[in-house]
Amino acid sequence: MIQAIDRAAKVLSSLQGARHLGITELATELALPVSTVHGIVKSLQGHGLVAQEPGGNRYMLGPALLKLSNVYLDTLDVRARAMRWTLELARRTGLSTRLGVQLFDEVIIIHHNQRPDGSQQMPETGLSIPAHASAMGKVLLAYSPEYASGLLGRPLRSLTGATITDPAQLAIQFVAIVGNGIATEEDEAVLGESSIAAPVVDTRGNVIAAVAIVVPSSEWPPDSSVLNGLRETARNISRELGAGTWPPLAPQPILSTHPQS
């Protein structure tokens, strides 16, 4: 690993979530000399990856990252092929839909369709959710034993009182997900918001993404028409990607777990 790039990436990571931090704060958080962090931040600022507050001494993520993220999204074949199907799913169900892929220990939303009710809603493309607290993340974990084993070998963060952090409970869920092709979470990431998700499969039979419907917890559980619509959407996207079968075959072994320390 190249040290300078690693440190620059850690600076950008520290500024996630709309955080505004000064040089000294970043240096303390990263356990690096102030002079080193100052040089990294100024270099990133020169490329538009970091911006300084107007009239202030704090820094935030810069506009060039938006350009890079849009380029990344445009290269994703799964997103391009899924967009019309997720839009139709939102129209049919009257609910918000998401498409997500793995990003380290999280799932990142690469496409989002808002509820078609005309209400004011926050765009979610680019947002990330801890994989264990997301229906999309649970799909990706259930079909990737290596990913699941690595994630469940570390303590898991609780986002709400309903977040499942016990590896044994999650392992049981993963088996069920592989069995019926559907994952669920109820109030695990955000109180009042629940979701269901299904796997998206590529031409090699690999699960490369998950498509989800966001359901207000007051309307939980979703009725059968919503579940059937989700399955149909996941199947249609997978077919466009060249998948021969859906749902995907179970991985072998399904899961290897480690107790929490």
Protein backbone atom coordinates (compact mmCIF):
# COMPACT_ATOMS: atom_id res chain seq x y z
CA MET A 1 0.00 0.00 0.00
CA ILE A 2 1.28 3.47 -0.92
CA GLN A 3 1.38 5.49 2.31
CA ALA A 4 0.56 8.90 0.81
CA ILE A 5 -2.52 7.57 -1.00
CA ASP A 6 -3.63 5.64 2.07
CA ARG A 7 -3.39 8.76 4.23
CA ALA A 8 -5.23 10.89 1.68
CA ALA A 9 -8.03 8.31 1.52
CA LYS A 10 -8.29 8.37 5.32
CA VAL A 11 -8.63 12.17 5.26
CA LEU A 12 -11.49 11.90 2.78
CA SER A 13 -13.09 9.13 4.84
CA SER A 14 -12.89 11.30 7.97
CA LEU A 15 -14.84 14.03 6.19
CA GLN A 16 -17.73 11.73 5.26
CA GLY A 17 -21.22 12.45 6.53
CA ALA A 18 -21.01 16.22 5.93
CA ARG A 19 -18.33 16.59 8.62
CA HIS A 20 -16.38 19.85 8.72
CA LEU A 21 -13.01 19.44 10.45
CA GLY A 22 -9.94 21.58 10.99
CA ILE A 23 -6.37 20.47 10.37
CA THR A 24 -5.71 19.85 14.07
CA GLU A 25 -8.91 17.83 14.43
CA LEU A 26 -8.00 15.69 11.42
CA ALA A 27 -4.47 15.20 12.74
CA THR A 28 -5.82 14.04 16.10
CA GLU A 29 -8.34 11.69 14.50
CA LEU A 30 -5.77 10.14 12.17
CA ALA A 31 -2.88 10.17 14.69
CA LEU A 32 -0.65 12.04 12.24
CA PRO A 33 1.52 15.17 12.58
CA VAL A 34 -0.28 18.43 11.89
CA SER A 35 2.23 19.33 9.19
CA THR A 36 1.61 16.04 7.38
CA VAL A 37 -2.17 16.46 7.44
CA HIS A 38 -1.84 20.08 6.30
CA GLY A 39 0.12 19.00 3.23
CA ILE A 40 -2.36 16.24 2.39
CA VAL A 41 -5.39 18.51 2.77
CA LYS A 42 -3.87 21.28 0.64
CA SER A 43 -3.01 18.75 -2.08
CA LEU A 44 -6.56 17.39 -2.04
CA GLN A 45 -7.92 20.93 -2.08
CA GLY A 46 -5.85 21.68 -5.17
CA HIS A 47 -7.68 18.89 -6.99
CA GLY A 48 -11.13 19.90 -5.74
CA LEU A 49 -11.46 16.80 -3.59
CA VAL A 50 -11.54 18.89 -0.40
CA ALA A 51 -12.95 22.39 0.04
CA GLN A 52 -12.36 24.98 2.75
CA GLU A 53 -15.25 26.68 4.49
CA PRO A 54 -15.68 30.25 3.22
CA GLY A 55 -13.98 32.49 5.73
CA GLY A 56 -13.20 29.54 8.02
CA ASN A 57 -10.48 27.09 8.92
CA ARG A 58 -12.44 23.89 8.56
CA TYR A 59 -12.52 21.57 5.59
CA MET A 60 -15.19 19.47 3.94
CA LEU A 61 -15.47 17.14 0.96
CA GLY A 62 -15.05 18.95 -2.34
CA PRO A 63 -17.15 19.17 -5.51
CA ALA A 64 -14.75 17.07 -7.61
CA LEU A 65 -15.92 14.00 -5.70
CA LEU A 66 -19.41 14.50 -7.11
CA LYS A 67 -18.03 14.43 -10.64
CA LEU A 68 -16.04 11.28 -9.90
CA SER A 69 -19.04 9.58 -8.31
CA ASN A 70 -21.21 10.35 -11.33
CA VAL A 71 -18.57 8.89 -13.64
CA TYR A 72 -18.51 5.76 -11.50
CA LEU A 73 -22.29 5.42 -11.58
CA ASP A 74 -22.34 5.83 -15.35
CA THR A 75 -19.95 2.88 -15.76
CA LEU A 76 -22.16 0.46 -13.81
CA ASP A 77 -23.95 -1.83 -16.23
CA VAL A 78 -26.23 -3.13 -13.49
CA ARG A 79 -27.46 0.39 -12.73
CA ALA A 80 -28.13 1.20 -16.38
CA ARG A 81 -30.10 -2.01 -16.88
CA ALA A 82 -32.00 -1.75 -13.59
CA MET A 83 -33.26 1.83 -13.78
CA ARG A 84 -36.42 1.25 -15.82
CA TRP A 85 -37.35 -1.80 -13.74
CA THR A 86 -36.92 -0.06 -10.36
CA LEU A 87 -38.88 2.94 -11.64
CA GLU A 88 -41.73 0.65 -12.68
CA LEU A 89 -41.57 -1.11 -9.31
CA ALA A 90 -41.91 2.23 -7.49
CA ARG A 91 -44.86 3.15 -9.71
CA ARG A 92 -46.64 -0.16 -9.12
CA THR A 93 -46.14 -0.29 -5.36
CA GLY A 94 -46.28 3.43 -4.56
CA LEU A 95 -43.09 2.94 -2.51
CA SER A 96 -39.47 4.03 -2.73
CA THR A 97 -37.02 1.62 -4.39
CA ARG A 98 -33.24 1.25 -4.12
CA LEU A 99 -30.44 -0.55 -5.91
CA GLY A 100 -27.32 -1.26 -3.86
CA VAL A 101 -23.88 -2.85 -4.10
CA GLN A 102 -21.20 -3.80 -1.58
CA LEU A 103 -18.81 -1.12 -0.35
CA PHE A 104 -16.50 -2.65 2.27
CA ASP A 105 -18.69 -3.27 5.36
CA GLU A 106 -21.59 -1.26 3.95
CA VAL A 107 -24.00 -1.27 1.06
CA ILE A 108 -24.02 1.85 -1.09
CA ILE A 109 -27.16 2.98 -2.88
CA ILE A 110 -26.29 3.38 -6.57
CA HIS A 111 -29.81 4.22 -7.70
CA HIS A 112 -32.91 5.47 -5.89
CA ASN A 113 -36.48 6.03 -7.00
CA GLN A 114 -38.56 8.19 -4.70
CA ARG A 115 -42.13 7.39 -3.73
CA PRO A 116 -44.34 8.53 -6.61
CA ASP A 117 -46.68 10.49 -4.35
CA GLY A 118 -45.25 13.96 -5.00
CA SER A 119 -44.05 14.38 -1.42
CA GLN A 120 -40.74 16.04 -0.56
CA GLN A 121 -38.08 13.33 -0.18
CA MET A 122 -34.32 13.25 0.20
CA PRO A 123 -32.32 11.79 -2.72
CA GLU A 124 -30.50 8.68 -1.49
CA THR A 125 -28.12 7.82 -4.33
CA GLY A 126 -24.62 7.72 -2.85
CA LEU A 127 -25.75 7.07 0.71
CA SER A 128 -24.40 3.99 2.48
CA ILE A 129 -25.86 1.74 5.17
CA PRO A 130 -24.05 -0.81 7.34
CA ALA A 131 -24.57 -4.11 5.55
CA HIS A 132 -25.81 -6.02 8.59
CA ALA A 133 -28.57 -3.42 9.19
CA SER A 134 -29.80 -3.31 5.61
CA ALA A 135 -32.02 -5.73 3.70
CA MET A 136 -29.82 -5.15 0.64
CA GLY A 137 -26.70 -5.80 2.68
CA LYS A 138 -28.14 -8.99 4.12
CA VAL A 139 -28.77 -10.26 0.59
CA LEU A 140 -25.15 -9.61 -0.36
CA LEU A 141 -23.88 -11.21 2.85
CA ALA A 142 -26.09 -14.28 2.49
CA TYR A 143 -24.74 -15.07 -0.96
CA SER A 144 -21.08 -14.37 -0.16
CA PRO A 145 -19.68 -16.62 2.60
CA GLU A 146 -16.29 -14.88 2.51
CA TYR A 147 -17.85 -11.42 2.88
CA ALA A 148 -20.13 -12.60 5.69
CA SER A 149 -17.35 -14.40 7.55
CA GLY A 150 -15.14 -11.31 7.50
CA LEU A 151 -17.89 -8.95 8.60
CA LEU A 152 -19.31 -11.14 11.35
CA GLY A 153 -15.84 -11.71 12.76
CA ARG A 154 -15.89 -8.13 14.06
CA PRO A 155 -18.21 -6.36 16.52
CA LEU A 156 -21.22 -4.91 14.71
CA ARG A 157 -22.61 -1.44 15.32
CA SER A 158 -26.16 -0.98 16.56
CA LEU A 159 -27.99 1.84 14.78
CA THR A 160 -31.31 1.42 16.59
CA GLY A 161 -32.66 -0.77 19.34
CA ALA A 162 -33.87 -3.17 16.64
CA THR A 163 -30.50 -3.64 14.89
CA ILE A 164 -29.45 -7.30 14.93
CA THR A 165 -25.77 -7.54 15.88
CA ASP A 166 -25.57 -11.16 17.04
CA PRO A 167 -23.70 -13.25 14.40
CA ALA A 168 -25.73 -16.37 15.25
CA GLN A 169 -29.04 -14.59 14.62
CA LEU A 170 -27.75 -13.12 11.39
CA ALA A 171 -26.50 -16.53 10.27
CA ILE A 172 -30.01 -17.95 10.69
CA GLN A 173 -31.38 -15.06 8.62
CA PHE A 174 -28.82 -15.67 5.87
CA VAL A 175 -29.88 -19.29 5.51
CA ALA A 176 -33.51 -18.19 5.18
CA ILE A 177 -32.57 -15.52 2.63
CA VAL A 178 -30.84 -18.06 0.41
CA GLY A 179 -33.85 -20.34 0.82
CA ASN A 180 -36.49 -17.88 -0.41
CA GLY A 181 -34.54 -15.14 -2.19
CA ILE A 182 -35.87 -12.34 0.02
CA ALA A 183 -34.25 -10.40 2.88
CA THR A 184 -35.99 -8.12 5.35
CA GLU A 185 -35.14 -5.61 8.04
CA GLU A 186 -37.57 -3.82 10.34
CA ASP A 187 -36.43 -0.55 11.93
CA GLU A 188 -32.80 -1.79 11.98
CA ALA A 189 -31.18 1.18 10.25
CA VAL A 190 -33.75 3.95 10.72
CA LEU A 191 -36.69 3.96 13.13
CA GLY A 192 -39.96 4.07 11.23
CA GLU A 193 -38.41 2.68 8.07
CA SER A 194 -38.19 -0.98 7.05
CA SER A 195 -37.23 -2.69 3.81
CA ILE A 196 -37.24 -5.88 1.78
CA ALA A 197 -34.62 -6.84 -0.80
CA ALA A 198 -33.85 -9.46 -3.43
CA PRO A 199 -30.63 -10.48 -5.23
CA VAL A 200 -29.55 -9.33 -8.68
CA VAL A 201 -27.53 -11.95 -10.57
CA ASP A 202 -25.07 -11.59 -13.46
CA THR A 203 -24.35 -13.91 -16.37
CA ARG A 204 -21.96 -16.03 -14.26
CA GLY A 205 -24.59 -16.60 -11.60
CA ASN A 206 -22.93 -14.25 -9.11
CA VAL A 207 -24.99 -11.94 -6.88
CA ILE A 208 -23.61 -8.50 -7.75
CA ALA A 209 -26.30 -6.21 -6.36
CA ALA A 210 -29.58 -6.10 -4.48
CA VAL A 211 -32.84 -4.34 -5.27
CA ALA A 212 -35.02 -3.15 -2.40
CA ILE A 213 -38.37 -1.61 -1.55
CA VAL A 214 -38.55 0.78 1.40
CA VAL A 215 -41.70 0.28 3.47
CA PRO A 216 -42.89 2.59 6.27
CA SER A 217 -42.84 0.53 9.46
CA SER A 218 -46.44 1.55 10.06
CA GLU A 219 -47.32 -0.46 6.92
CA TRP A 220 -45.23 -3.50 7.87
CA PRO A 221 -45.36 -6.29 6.84
CA PRO A 222 -45.75 -5.68 3.11
CA ASP A 223 -48.50 -7.59 1.32
CA SER A 224 -47.88 -10.37 -1.17
CA SER A 225 -48.23 -8.09 -4.20
CA VAL A 226 -45.24 -6.03 -3.02
CA LEU A 227 -43.15 -9.16 -2.47
CA ASN A 228 -44.10 -10.56 -5.85
CA GLY A 229 -43.30 -7.27 -7.54
CA LEU A 230 -39.86 -7.23 -5.91
CA ARG A 231 -39.11 -10.79 -7.04
CA GLU A 232 -40.25 -10.02 -10.58
CA THR A 233 -38.08 -6.90 -10.71
CA ALA A 234 -34.98 -8.74 -9.45
CA ARG A 235 -35.60 -11.50 -11.98
CA ASN A 236 -36.03 -9.05 -14.87
CA ILE A 237 -32.85 -7.13 -14.04
CA SER A 238 -30.93 -10.39 -13.73
CA ARG A 239 -32.19 -11.59 -17.11
CA GLU A 240 -31.01 -8.35 -18.71
CA LEU A 241 -27.58 -9.02 -17.23
CA GLY A 242 -27.55 -12.50 -18.80
CA ALA A 243 -28.43 -14.61 -15.76
CA GLY A 244 -29.69 -18.06 -16.67
CA THR A 245 -31.54 -18.73 -13.42
CA TRP A 246 -33.21 -16.77 -10.64
CA PRO A 247 -33.13 -16.99 -7.66
CA PRO A 248 -29.40 -17.70 -7.57
CA LEU A 249 -28.01 -21.01 -6.42
CA ALA A 250 -27.01 -21.31 -2.76
CA PRO A 251 -23.32 -20.70 -2.06
CA GLN A 252 -21.29 -23.53 -0.55
CA PRO A 253 -20.82 -23.30 2.34
CA ILE A 254 -23.63 -20.83 3.06
CA LEU A 255 -21.86 -19.20 5.98
CA SER A 256 -18.88 -19.38 8.29
CA THR A 257 -19.32 -17.35 11.47
CA HIS A 258 -17.09 -16.20 14.28
CA PRO A 259 -18.24 -15.17 17.77
CA GLN A 260 -18.06 -11.53 18.71
CA SER A 261 -15.11 -10.52 20.81
